[in-house]
Amino acid sequence: MLWILFMRWSADWGGIQIYGCTLLLLAVSLWVMVRTPSFLYRFHLLSIALLLGSVFFFLRETLHLMPAVIWFSSEWTLASSVGFLAAALLRWPPLQIAGLSLGLLIGDAMSAY
C-alpha cells in the first residue's frame, strides 16, 4: 500500500529528481540491515549490494556493445542477471530483497553521475 502512495511523490534535489519509491526502498533495506543478527551478515549484505550495483551499472553501460549477450531485451537481461546473482549470493529472502534494492539504488546513483 505504501508503494502506491509513494509512487506519486517526488522531490528535486540538485537537479536530480528523487521519487518516493526510492526512499521507501532505502528505508526497507536499512530496516532489514538493522534487523540482521550479525555484523558479518550486515557487511556481507553491503558488499553484495555494492557488487550488484556495479554489475547493474556495467551491464547498463556496455550491453549495447555486446548484443549476443542480450536474451529477450536489454531490460530483461539486466533484471535476470542481477536477480540471479542476488539469489545465488544471498540465502535469506529479506536479505535478497534488501541487497537487490540497495544494489539497484547504487547502480542508479552511479549512472546518474
PDB file of N, CA and C in Angstrom:
ATOM      1  N   MET A   1       0.817  -1.185   0.000  1.00  0.00           N
ATOM      2  CA  MET A   1       0.000   0.000   0.000  1.00  0.00           C
ATOM      3  C   MET A   1       0.867   1.257   0.000  1.00  0.00           C
ATOM      4  N   LEU A   2       1.937   1.223   0.785  1.00  0.00           N
ATOM      5  CA  LEU A   2       2.823   2.389   0.815  1.00  0.00           C
ATOM      6  C   LEU A   2       3.462   2.641  -0.541  1.00  0.00           C
ATOM      7  N   TRP A   3       3.708   1.567  -1.275  1.00  0.00           N
ATOM      8  CA  TRP A   3       4.322   1.685  -2.593  1.00  0.00           C
ATOM      9  C   TRP A   3       3.482   2.583  -3.491  1.00  0.00           C
ATOM     10  N   ILE A   4       2.172   2.377  -3.491  1.00  0.00           N
ATOM     11  CA  ILE A   4       1.265   3.162  -4.331  1.00  0.00           C
ATOM     12  C   ILE A   4       1.248   4.618  -3.888  1.00  0.00           C
ATOM     13  N   LEU A   5       1.279   4.851  -2.580  1.00  0.00           N
ATOM     14  CA  LEU A   5       1.272   6.226  -2.077  1.00  0.00           C
ATOM     15  C   LEU A   5       2.560   6.967  -2.421  1.00  0.00           C
ATOM     16  N   PHE A   6       3.691   6.274  -2.312  1.00  0.00           N
ATOM     17  CA  PHE A   6       4.974   6.923  -2.557  1.00  0.00           C
ATOM     18  C   PHE A   6       5.311   7.062  -4.040  1.00  0.00           C
ATOM     19  N   MET A   7       4.573   6.368  -4.914  1.00  0.00           N
ATOM     20  CA  MET A   7       4.850   6.467  -6.349  1.00  0.00           C
ATOM     21  C   MET A   7       4.585   7.872  -6.885  1.00  0.00           C
ATOM     22  N   ARG A   8       3.616   8.545  -6.342  1.00  0.00           N
ATOM     23  CA  ARG A   8       3.215   9.854  -6.856  1.00  0.00           C
ATOM     24  C   ARG A   8       4.056  11.003  -6.301  1.00  0.00           C
ATOM     25  N   TRP A   9       4.800  10.758  -5.223  1.00  0.00           N
ATOM     26  CA  TRP A   9       5.573  11.817  -4.597  1.00  0.00           C
ATOM     27  C   TRP A   9       6.977  11.862  -5.200  1.00  0.00           C
ATOM     28  N   SER A  10       7.472  13.072  -5.446  1.00  0.00           N
ATOM     29  CA  SER A  10       8.845  13.232  -5.921  1.00  0.00           C
ATOM     30  C   SER A  10       9.381  14.568  -5.436  1.00  0.00           C
ATOM     31  N   ALA A  11      10.693  14.651  -5.350  1.00  0.00           N
ATOM     32  CA  ALA A  11      11.360  15.878  -4.917  1.00  0.00           C
ATOM     33  C   ALA A  11      12.555  16.120  -5.824  1.00  0.00           C
ATOM     34  N   ASP A  12      12.873  17.373  -6.012  1.00  0.00           N
ATOM     35  CA  ASP A  12      14.016  17.743  -6.833  1.00  0.00           C
ATOM     36  C   ASP A  12      15.170  18.108  -5.909  1.00  0.00           C
ATOM     37  N   TRP A  13      16.301  17.418  -6.074  1.00  0.00           N
ATOM     38  CA  TRP A  13      17.449  17.651  -5.203  1.00  0.00           C
ATOM     39  C   TRP A  13      18.688  17.847  -6.065  1.00  0.00           C
ATOM     40  N   GLY A  14      19.096  19.068  -6.224  1.00  0.00           N
ATOM     41  CA  GLY A  14      20.290  19.379  -7.001  1.00  0.00           C
ATOM     42  C   GLY A  14      20.186  18.991  -8.461  1.00  0.00           C
ATOM     43  N   GLY A  15      19.024  19.151  -9.046  1.00  0.00           N
ATOM     44  CA  GLY A  15      18.831  18.801 -10.443  1.00  0.00           C
ATOM     45  C   GLY A  15      18.506  17.337 -10.681  1.00  0.00           C
ATOM     46  N   ILE A  16      18.459  16.555  -9.625  1.00  0.00           N
ATOM     47  CA  ILE A  16      18.123  15.136  -9.728  1.00  0.00           C
ATOM     48  C   ILE A  16      16.751  14.936  -9.097  1.00  0.00           C
ATOM     49  N   GLN A  17      15.860  14.278  -9.814  1.00  0.00           N
ATOM     50  CA  GLN A  17      14.525  14.027  -9.293  1.00  0.00           C
ATOM     51  C   GLN A  17      14.520  12.708  -8.530  1.00  0.00           C
ATOM     52  N   ILE A  18      14.120  12.779  -7.261  1.00  0.00           N
ATOM     53  CA  ILE A  18      14.079  11.608  -6.392  1.00  0.00           C
ATOM     54  C   ILE A  18      12.618  11.272  -6.128  1.00  0.00           C
ATOM     55  N   TYR A  19      12.238  10.046  -6.437  1.00  0.00           N
ATOM     56  CA  TYR A  19      10.869   9.597  -6.233  1.00  0.00           C
ATOM     57  C   TYR A  19      10.713   8.979  -4.850  1.00  0.00           C
ATOM     58  N   GLY A  20       9.502   8.969  -4.354  1.00  0.00           N
ATOM     59  CA  GLY A  20       9.219   8.417  -3.037  1.00  0.00           C
ATOM     60  C   GLY A  20       9.502   6.935  -2.934  1.00  0.00           C
ATOM     61  N   CYS A  21       9.370   6.222  -4.049  1.00  0.00           N
ATOM     62  CA  CYS A  21       9.669   4.780  -4.052  1.00  0.00           C
ATOM     63  C   CYS A  21      11.130   4.530  -3.695  1.00  0.00           C
ATOM     64  N   THR A  22      11.994   5.436  -4.114  1.00  0.00           N
ATOM     65  CA  THR A  22      13.412   5.305  -3.794  1.00  0.00           C
ATOM     66  C   THR A  22      13.626   5.375  -2.292  1.00  0.00           C
ATOM     67  N   LEU A  23      12.971   6.319  -1.648  1.00  0.00           N
ATOM     68  CA  LEU A  23      13.101   6.445  -0.198  1.00  0.00           C
ATOM     69  C   LEU A  23      12.488   5.246   0.521  1.00  0.00           C
ATOM     70  N   LEU A  24      11.390   4.727  -0.017  1.00  0.00           N
ATOM     71  CA  LEU A  24      10.769   3.544   0.575  1.00  0.00           C
ATOM     72  C   LEU A  24      11.685   2.327   0.457  1.00  0.00           C
ATOM     73  N   LEU A  25      12.300   2.122  -0.706  1.00  0.00           N
ATOM     74  CA  LEU A  25      13.240   1.014  -0.878  1.00  0.00           C
ATOM     75  C   LEU A  25      14.444   1.154   0.045  1.00  0.00           C
ATOM     76  N   LEU A  26      14.932   2.372   0.182  1.00  0.00           N
ATOM     77  CA  LEU A  26      16.065   2.613   1.071  1.00  0.00           C
ATOM     78  C   LEU A  26      15.688   2.332   2.525  1.00  0.00           C
ATOM     79  N   ALA A  27      14.494   2.756   2.936  1.00  0.00           N
ATOM     80  CA  ALA A  27      14.048   2.520   4.311  1.00  0.00           C
ATOM     81  C   ALA A  27      13.868   1.032   4.595  1.00  0.00           C
ATOM     82  N   VAL A  28      13.276   0.301   3.668  1.00  0.00           N
ATOM     83  CA  VAL A  28      13.089  -1.145   3.859  1.00  0.00           C
ATOM     84  C   VAL A  28      14.444  -1.848   3.910  1.00  0.00           C
ATOM     85  N   SER A  29      15.355  -1.451   3.051  1.00  0.00           N
ATOM     86  CA  SER A  29      16.682  -2.070   3.040  1.00  0.00           C
ATOM     87  C   SER A  29      17.435  -1.796   4.336  1.00  0.00           C
ATOM     88  N   LEU A  30      17.353  -0.578   4.819  1.00  0.00           N
ATOM     89  CA  LEU A  30      18.027  -0.253   6.077  1.00  0.00           C
ATOM     90  C   LEU A  30      17.371  -0.960   7.260  1.00  0.00           C
ATOM     91  N   TRP A  31      16.047  -1.128   7.209  1.00  0.00           N
ATOM     92  CA  TRP A  31      15.349  -1.849   8.271  1.00  0.00           C
ATOM     93  C   TRP A  31      15.804  -3.308   8.317  1.00  0.00           C
ATOM     94  N   VAL A  32      15.919  -3.932   7.158  1.00  0.00           N
ATOM     95  CA  VAL A  32      16.403  -5.316   7.105  1.00  0.00           C
ATOM     96  C   VAL A  32      17.849  -5.378   7.580  1.00  0.00           C
ATOM     97  N   MET A  33      18.640  -4.386   7.217  1.00  0.00           N
ATOM     98  CA  MET A  33      20.045  -4.379   7.621  1.00  0.00           C
ATOM     99  C   MET A  33      20.176  -4.236   9.136  1.00  0.00           C
ATOM    100  N   VAL A  34      19.327  -3.414   9.748  1.00  0.00           N
ATOM    101  CA  VAL A  34      19.374  -3.242  11.199  1.00  0.00           C
ATOM    102  C   VAL A  34      18.920  -4.516  11.908  1.00  0.00           C
ATOM    103  N   ARG A  35      17.939  -5.210  11.354  1.00  0.00           N
ATOM    104  CA  ARG A  35      17.410  -6.424  11.981  1.00  0.00           C
ATOM    105  C   ARG A  35      18.254  -7.670  11.700  1.00  0.00           C
ATOM    106  N   THR A  36      19.274  -7.541  10.891  1.00  0.00           N
ATOM    107  CA  THR A  36      20.162  -8.671  10.619  1.00  0.00           C
ATOM    108  C   THR A  36      20.962  -8.970  11.885  1.00  0.00           C
ATOM    109  N   PRO A  37      21.016 -10.241  12.304  1.00  0.00           N
ATOM    110  CA  PRO A  37      21.569 -10.558  13.619  1.00  0.00           C
ATOM    111  C   PRO A  37      23.071 -10.338  13.779  1.00  0.00           C
ATOM    112  N   SER A  38      23.842 -10.457  12.747  1.00  0.00           N
ATOM    113  CA  SER A  38      25.291 -10.439  12.898  1.00  0.00           C
ATOM    114  C   SER A  38      25.915  -9.295  12.096  1.00  0.00           C
ATOM    115  N   PHE A  39      27.019  -8.793  12.617  1.00  0.00           N
ATOM    116  CA  PHE A  39      27.755  -7.756  11.904  1.00  0.00           C
ATOM    117  C   PHE A  39      28.297  -8.282  10.582  1.00  0.00           C
ATOM    118  N   LEU A  40      28.719  -9.542  10.567  1.00  0.00           N
ATOM    119  CA  LEU A  40      29.250 -10.126   9.334  1.00  0.00           C
ATOM    120  C   LEU A  40      28.180 -10.238   8.254  1.00  0.00           C
ATOM    121  N   TYR A  41      26.947 -10.573   8.649  1.00  0.00           N
ATOM    122  CA  TYR A  41      25.856 -10.609   7.669  1.00  0.00           C
ATOM    123  C   TYR A  41      25.581  -9.219   7.108  1.00  0.00           C
ATOM    124  N   ARG A  42      25.643  -8.207   7.978  1.00  0.00           N
ATOM    125  CA  ARG A  42      25.436  -6.828   7.508  1.00  0.00           C
ATOM    126  C   ARG A  42      26.525  -6.424   6.522  1.00  0.00           C
ATOM    127  N   PHE A  43      27.745  -6.752   6.858  1.00  0.00           N
ATOM    128  CA  PHE A  43      28.865  -6.432   5.977  1.00  0.00           C
ATOM    129  C   PHE A  43      28.755  -7.199   4.659  1.00  0.00           C
ATOM    130  N   HIS A  44      28.338  -8.460   4.745  1.00  0.00           N
ATOM    131  CA  HIS A  44      28.136  -9.274   3.545  1.00  0.00           C
ATOM    132  C   HIS A  44      27.029  -8.669   2.677  1.00  0.00           C
ATOM    133  N   LEU A  45      25.939  -8.237   3.302  1.00  0.00           N
ATOM    134  CA  LEU A  45      24.838  -7.619   2.564  1.00  0.00           C
ATOM    135  C   LEU A  45      25.297  -6.345   1.873  1.00  0.00           C
ATOM    136  N   LEU A  46      26.062  -5.530   2.565  1.00  0.00           N
ATOM    137  CA  LEU A  46      26.553  -4.291   1.968  1.00  0.00           C
ATOM    138  C   LEU A  46      27.519  -4.571   0.820  1.00  0.00           C
ATOM    139  N   SER A  47      28.393  -5.551   0.981  1.00  0.00           N
ATOM    140  CA  SER A  47      29.337  -5.860  -0.096  1.00  0.00           C
ATOM    141  C   SER A  47      28.620  -6.455  -1.309  1.00  0.00           C
ATOM    142  N   ILE A  48      27.599  -7.276  -1.082  1.00  0.00           N
ATOM    143  CA  ILE A  48      26.822  -7.829  -2.194  1.00  0.00           C
ATOM    144  C   ILE A  48      26.038  -6.717  -2.887  1.00  0.00           C
ATOM    145  N   ALA A  49      25.506  -5.771  -2.120  1.00  0.00           N
ATOM    146  CA  ALA A  49      24.784  -4.643  -2.724  1.00  0.00           C
ATOM    147  C   ALA A  49      25.715  -3.810  -3.599  1.00  0.00           C
ATOM    148  N   LEU A  50      26.936  -3.595  -3.150  1.00  0.00           N
ATOM    149  CA  LEU A  50      27.908  -2.867  -3.971  1.00  0.00           C
ATOM    150  C   LEU A  50      28.257  -3.648  -5.232  1.00  0.00           C
ATOM    151  N   LEU A  51      28.387  -4.967  -5.107  1.00  0.00           N
ATOM    152  CA  LEU A  51      28.653  -5.802  -6.277  1.00  0.00           C
ATOM    153  C   LEU A  51      27.487  -5.749  -7.263  1.00  0.00           C
ATOM    154  N   LEU A  52      26.265  -5.875  -6.764  1.00  0.00           N
ATOM    155  CA  LEU A  52      25.092  -5.833  -7.637  1.00  0.00           C
ATOM    156  C   LEU A  52      24.953  -4.476  -8.314  1.00  0.00           C
ATOM    157  N   GLY A  53      25.231  -3.409  -7.579  1.00  0.00           N
ATOM    158  CA  GLY A  53      25.188  -2.079  -8.179  1.00  0.00           C
ATOM    159  C   GLY A  53      26.233  -1.910  -9.264  1.00  0.00           C
ATOM    160  N   SER A  54      27.419  -2.445  -9.037  1.00  0.00           N
ATOM    161  CA  SER A  54      28.478  -2.358 -10.047  1.00  0.00           C
ATOM    162  C   SER A  54      28.149  -3.179 -11.286  1.00  0.00           C
ATOM    163  N   VAL A  55      27.610  -4.381 -11.083  1.00  0.00           N
ATOM    164  CA  VAL A  55      27.222  -5.221 -12.222  1.00  0.00           C
ATOM    165  C   VAL A  55      26.093  -4.564 -13.002  1.00  0.00           C
ATOM    166  N   PHE A  56      25.114  -4.000 -12.294  1.00  0.00           N
ATOM    167  CA  PHE A  56      24.000  -3.315 -12.947  1.00  0.00           C
ATOM    168  C   PHE A  56      24.501  -2.138 -13.782  1.00  0.00           C
ATOM    169  N   PHE A  57      25.394  -1.340 -13.203  1.00  0.00           N
ATOM    170  CA  PHE A  57      25.936  -0.190 -13.923  1.00  0.00           C
ATOM    171  C   PHE A  57      26.754  -0.635 -15.130  1.00  0.00           C
ATOM    172  N   PHE A  58      27.589  -1.651 -14.949  1.00  0.00           N
ATOM    173  CA  PHE A  58      28.416  -2.148 -16.049  1.00  0.00           C
ATOM    174  C   PHE A  58      27.554  -2.670 -17.197  1.00  0.00           C
ATOM    175  N   LEU A  59      26.562  -3.488 -16.874  1.00  0.00           N
ATOM    176  CA  LEU A  59      25.703  -4.034 -17.929  1.00  0.00           C
ATOM    177  C   LEU A  59      24.876  -2.946 -18.600  1.00  0.00           C
ATOM    178  N   ARG A  60      24.432  -1.980 -17.821  1.00  0.00           N
ATOM    179  CA  ARG A  60      23.629  -0.891 -18.387  1.00  0.00           C
ATOM    180  C   ARG A  60      24.439  -0.065 -19.377  1.00  0.00           C
ATOM    181  N   GLU A  61      25.714   0.120 -19.081  1.00  0.00           N
ATOM    182  CA  GLU A  61      26.554   0.955 -19.937  1.00  0.00           C
ATOM    183  C   GLU A  61      27.142   0.202 -21.124  1.00  0.00           C
ATOM    184  N   THR A  62      27.330  -1.108 -21.006  1.00  0.00           N
ATOM    185  CA  THR A  62      28.045  -1.831 -22.062  1.00  0.00           C
ATOM    186  C   THR A  62      27.217  -2.872 -22.797  1.00  0.00           C
ATOM    187  N   LEU A  63      25.972  -3.048 -22.437  1.00  0.00           N
ATOM    188  CA  LEU A  63      25.169  -4.095 -23.061  1.00  0.00           C
ATOM    189  C   LEU A  63      24.925  -3.837 -24.539  1.00  0.00           C
ATOM    190  N   HIS A  64      24.879  -2.579 -24.930  1.00  0.00           N
ATOM    191  CA  HIS A  64      24.665  -2.277 -26.350  1.00  0.00           C
ATOM    192  C   HIS A  64      25.896  -2.610 -27.194  1.00  0.00           C
ATOM    193  N   LEU A  65      27.048  -2.801 -26.557  1.00  0.00           N
ATOM    194  CA  LEU A  65      28.264  -3.145 -27.287  1.00  0.00           C
ATOM    195  C   LEU A  65      28.390  -4.643 -27.560  1.00  0.00           C
ATOM    196  N   MET A  66      27.658  -5.452 -26.814  1.00  0.00           N
ATOM    197  CA  MET A  66      27.720  -6.909 -26.990  1.00  0.00           C
ATOM    198  C   MET A  66      26.306  -7.474 -27.131  1.00  0.00           C
ATOM    199  N   PRO A  67      25.706  -7.321 -28.304  1.00  0.00           N
ATOM    200  CA  PRO A  67      24.310  -7.749 -28.480  1.00  0.00           C
ATOM    201  C   PRO A  67      24.104  -9.258 -28.435  1.00  0.00           C
ATOM    202  N   ALA A  68      25.144 -10.049 -28.522  1.00  0.00           N
ATOM    203  CA  ALA A  68      24.983 -11.504 -28.451  1.00  0.00           C
ATOM    204  C   ALA A  68      24.583 -11.962 -27.055  1.00  0.00           C
ATOM    205  N   VAL A  69      24.817 -11.137 -26.054  1.00  0.00           N
ATOM    206  CA  VAL A  69      24.506 -11.487 -24.674  1.00  0.00           C
ATOM    207  C   VAL A  69      23.038 -11.205 -24.343  1.00  0.00           C
ATOM    208  N   ILE A  70      22.385 -10.351 -25.097  1.00  0.00           N
ATOM    209  CA  ILE A  70      21.008  -9.950 -24.805  1.00  0.00           C
ATOM    210  C   ILE A  70      20.075 -11.132 -25.046  1.00  0.00           C
ATOM    211  N   TRP A  71      19.249 -11.468 -24.028  1.00  0.00           N
ATOM    212  CA  TRP A  71      18.343 -12.608 -24.136  1.00  0.00           C
ATOM    213  C   TRP A  71      17.066 -12.234 -24.877  1.00  0.00           C
ATOM    214  N   PHE A  72      16.187 -11.481 -24.268  1.00  0.00           N
ATOM    215  CA  PHE A  72      14.961 -11.040 -24.941  1.00  0.00           C
ATOM    216  C   PHE A  72      15.032  -9.550 -25.237  1.00  0.00           C
ATOM    217  N   SER A  73      15.419  -8.787 -24.237  1.00  0.00           N
ATOM    218  CA  SER A  73      15.639  -7.353 -24.382  1.00  0.00           C
ATOM    219  C   SER A  73      16.722  -6.960 -23.384  1.00  0.00           C
ATOM    220  N   SER A  74      17.202  -5.748 -23.489  1.00  0.00           N
ATOM    221  CA  SER A  74      18.270  -5.333 -22.571  1.00  0.00           C
ATOM    222  C   SER A  74      17.754  -5.235 -21.134  1.00  0.00           C
ATOM    223  N   GLU A  75      16.502  -4.812 -20.960  1.00  0.00           N
ATOM    224  CA  GLU A  75      15.935  -4.738 -19.609  1.00  0.00           C
ATOM    225  C   GLU A  75      15.810  -6.130 -18.993  1.00  0.00           C
ATOM    226  N   TRP A  76      15.372  -7.095 -19.800  1.00  0.00           N
ATOM    227  CA  TRP A  76      15.240  -8.474 -19.335  1.00  0.00           C
ATOM    228  C   TRP A  76      16.612  -9.040 -18.951  1.00  0.00           C
ATOM    229  N   THR A  77      17.612  -8.744 -19.732  1.00  0.00           N
ATOM    230  CA  THR A  77      18.961  -9.227 -19.450  1.00  0.00           C
ATOM    231  C   THR A  77      19.495  -8.614 -18.162  1.00  0.00           C
ATOM    232  N   LEU A  78      19.289  -7.312 -17.982  1.00  0.00           N
ATOM    233  CA  LEU A  78      19.726  -6.650 -16.755  1.00  0.00           C
ATOM    234  C   LEU A  78      19.039  -7.243 -15.534  1.00  0.00           C
ATOM    235  N   ALA A  79      17.719  -7.345 -15.598  1.00  0.00           N
ATOM    236  CA  ALA A  79      16.954  -7.823 -14.447  1.00  0.00           C
ATOM    237  C   ALA A  79      17.298  -9.264 -14.096  1.00  0.00           C
ATOM    238  N   SER A  80      17.384 -10.116 -15.093  1.00  0.00           N
ATOM    239  CA  SER A  80      17.664 -11.523 -14.802  1.00  0.00           C
ATOM    240  C   SER A  80      19.098 -11.729 -14.319  1.00  0.00           C
ATOM    241  N   SER A  81      20.045 -11.008 -14.874  1.00  0.00           N
ATOM    242  CA  SER A  81      21.440 -11.155 -14.439  1.00  0.00           C
ATOM    243  C   SER A  81      21.616 -10.723 -12.993  1.00  0.00           C
ATOM    244  N   VAL A  82      21.098  -9.564 -12.661  1.00  0.00           N
ATOM    245  CA  VAL A  82      21.242  -9.061 -11.294  1.00  0.00           C
ATOM    246  C   VAL A  82      20.403  -9.901 -10.329  1.00  0.00           C
ATOM    247  N   GLY A  83      19.223 -10.313 -10.750  1.00  0.00           N
ATOM    248  CA  GLY A  83      18.373 -11.141  -9.892  1.00  0.00           C
ATOM    249  C   GLY A  83      18.973 -12.507  -9.613  1.00  0.00           C
ATOM    250  N   PHE A  84      19.513 -13.164 -10.639  1.00  0.00           N
ATOM    251  CA  PHE A  84      20.156 -14.463 -10.435  1.00  0.00           C
ATOM    252  C   PHE A  84      21.385 -14.333  -9.536  1.00  0.00           C
ATOM    253  N   LEU A  85      22.128 -13.268  -9.705  1.00  0.00           N
ATOM    254  CA  LEU A  85      23.305 -13.050  -8.869  1.00  0.00           C
ATOM    255  C   LEU A  85      22.901 -12.833  -7.412  1.00  0.00           C
ATOM    256  N   ALA A  86      21.843 -12.055  -7.187  1.00  0.00           N
ATOM    257  CA  ALA A  86      21.364 -11.835  -5.816  1.00  0.00           C
ATOM    258  C   ALA A  86      20.847 -13.129  -5.199  1.00  0.00           C
ATOM    259  N   ALA A  87      20.133 -13.926  -5.981  1.00  0.00           N
ATOM    260  CA  ALA A  87      19.605 -15.193  -5.463  1.00  0.00           C
ATOM    261  C   ALA A  87      20.725 -16.182  -5.151  1.00  0.00           C
ATOM    262  N   ALA A  88      21.795 -16.137  -5.914  1.00  0.00           N
ATOM    263  CA  ALA A  88      22.899 -17.065  -5.688  1.00  0.00           C
ATOM    264  C   ALA A  88      23.768 -16.659  -4.502  1.00  0.00           C
ATOM    265  N   LEU A  89      23.877 -15.367  -4.235  1.00  0.00           N
ATOM    266  CA  LEU A  89      24.802 -14.904  -3.205  1.00  0.00           C
ATOM    267  C   LEU A  89      24.160 -14.670  -1.842  1.00  0.00           C
ATOM    268  N   LEU A  90      22.844 -14.518  -1.799  1.00  0.00           N
ATOM    269  CA  LEU A  90      22.146 -14.278  -0.536  1.00  0.00           C
ATOM    270  C   LEU A  90      21.069 -15.344  -0.359  1.00  0.00           C
ATOM    271  N   ARG A  91      21.037 -15.990   0.797  1.00  0.00           N
ATOM    272  CA  ARG A  91      20.101 -17.095   1.010  1.00  0.00           C
ATOM    273  C   ARG A  91      18.752 -16.643   1.555  1.00  0.00           C
ATOM    274  N   TRP A  92      18.751 -15.767   2.523  1.00  0.00           N
ATOM    275  CA  TRP A  92      17.539 -15.367   3.227  1.00  0.00           C
ATOM    276  C   TRP A  92      16.757 -14.377   2.367  1.00  0.00           C
ATOM    277  N   PRO A  93      15.460 -14.603   2.093  1.00  0.00           N
ATOM    278  CA  PRO A  93      14.697 -13.726   1.193  1.00  0.00           C
ATOM    279  C   PRO A  93      14.677 -12.242   1.581  1.00  0.00           C
ATOM    280  N   PRO A  94      14.542 -11.883   2.876  1.00  0.00           N
ATOM    281  CA  PRO A  94      14.624 -10.443   3.178  1.00  0.00           C
ATOM    282  C   PRO A  94      15.987  -9.838   2.833  1.00  0.00           C
ATOM    283  N   LEU A  95      17.043 -10.616   3.016  1.00  0.00           N
ATOM    284  CA  LEU A  95      18.364 -10.124   2.626  1.00  0.00           C
ATOM    285  C   LEU A  95      18.477  -9.996   1.113  1.00  0.00           C
ATOM    286  N   GLN A  96      17.841 -10.899   0.374  1.00  0.00           N
ATOM    287  CA  GLN A  96      17.840 -10.797  -1.085  1.00  0.00           C
ATOM    288  C   GLN A  96      17.137  -9.525  -1.537  1.00  0.00           C
ATOM    289  N   ILE A  97      15.995  -9.230  -0.928  1.00  0.00           N
ATOM    290  CA  ILE A  97      15.256  -8.015  -1.290  1.00  0.00           C
ATOM    291  C   ILE A  97      16.062  -6.778  -0.937  1.00  0.00           C
ATOM    292  N   ALA A  98      16.645  -6.768   0.262  1.00  0.00           N
ATOM    293  CA  ALA A  98      17.425  -5.606   0.685  1.00  0.00           C
ATOM    294  C   ALA A  98      18.675  -5.436  -0.172  1.00  0.00           C
ATOM    295  N   GLY A  99      19.377  -6.518  -0.443  1.00  0.00           N
ATOM    296  CA  GLY A  99      20.588  -6.434  -1.264  1.00  0.00           C
ATOM    297  C   GLY A  99      20.290  -6.002  -2.681  1.00  0.00           C
ATOM    298  N   LEU A 100      19.225  -6.546  -3.245  1.00  0.00           N
ATOM    299  CA  LEU A 100      18.833  -6.172  -4.600  1.00  0.00           C
ATOM    300  C   LEU A 100      18.382  -4.718  -4.657  1.00  0.00           C
ATOM    301  N   SER A 101      17.609  -4.287  -3.667  1.00  0.00           N
ATOM    302  CA  SER A 101      17.149  -2.893  -3.647  1.00  0.00           C
ATOM    303  C   SER A 101      18.315  -1.930  -3.498  1.00  0.00           C
ATOM    304  N   LEU A 102      19.196  -2.218  -2.540  1.00  0.00           N
ATOM    305  CA  LEU A 102      20.366  -1.352  -2.362  1.00  0.00           C
ATOM    306  C   LEU A 102      21.267  -1.376  -3.590  1.00  0.00           C
ATOM    307  N   GLY A 103      21.441  -2.545  -4.175  1.00  0.00           N
ATOM    308  CA  GLY A 103      22.283  -2.649  -5.371  1.00  0.00           C
ATOM    309  C   GLY A 103      21.739  -1.852  -6.536  1.00  0.00           C
ATOM    310  N   LEU A 104      20.432  -1.936  -6.765  1.00  0.00           N
ATOM    311  CA  LEU A 104      19.846  -1.175  -7.866  1.00  0.00           C
ATOM    312  C   LEU A 104      19.867   0.325  -7.589  1.00  0.00           C
ATOM    313  N   LEU A 105      19.686   0.705  -6.322  1.00  0.00           N
ATOM    314  CA  LEU A 105      19.799   2.127  -5.984  1.00  0.00           C
ATOM    315  C   LEU A 105      21.226   2.626  -6.182  1.00  0.00           C
ATOM    316  N   ILE A 106      22.203   1.811  -5.817  1.00  0.00           N
ATOM    317  CA  ILE A 106      23.605   2.180  -6.026  1.00  0.00           C
ATOM    318  C   ILE A 106      23.911   2.271  -7.513  1.00  0.00           C
ATOM    319  N   GLY A 107      23.416   1.316  -8.294  1.00  0.00           N
ATOM    320  CA  GLY A 107      23.629   1.347  -9.742  1.00  0.00           C
ATOM    321  C   GLY A 107      22.992   2.561 -10.395  1.00  0.00           C
ATOM    322  N   ASP A 108      21.787   2.929  -9.958  1.00  0.00           N
ATOM    323  CA  ASP A 108      21.150   4.137 -10.487  1.00  0.00           C
ATOM    324  C   ASP A 108      21.918   5.390 -10.091  1.00  0.00           C
ATOM    325  N   ALA A 109      22.423   5.412  -8.858  1.00  0.00           N
ATOM    326  CA  ALA A 109      23.211   6.567  -8.428  1.00  0.00           C
ATOM    327  C   ALA A 109      24.507   6.675  -9.225  1.00  0.00           C
ATOM    328  N   MET A 110      25.105   5.535  -9.547  1.00  0.00           N
ATOM    329  CA  MET A 110      26.326   5.559 -10.356  1.00  0.00           C
ATOM    330  C   MET A 110      26.039   6.045 -11.768  1.00  0.00           C
ATOM    331  N   SER A 111      24.914   5.653 -12.331  1.00  0.00           N
ATOM    332  CA  SER A 111      24.601   6.098 -13.692  1.00  0.00           C
ATOM    333  C   SER A 111      24.100   7.534 -13.717  1.00  0.00           C
ATOM    334  N   ALA A 112      23.605   8.041 -12.600  1.00  0.00           N
ATOM    335  CA  ALA A 112      23.189   9.448 -12.549  1.00  0.00           C
ATOM    336  C   ALA A 112      24.393  10.377 -12.532  1.00  0.00           C
ATOM    337  N   TYR A 113      25.519   9.868 -12.080  1.00  0.00           N
ATOM    338  CA  TYR A 113      26.730  10.677 -12.031  1.00  0.00           C
ATOM    339  C   TYR A 113      27.278  10.808 -13.422  1.00  0.00           C
TER     340      TYR A 113
END
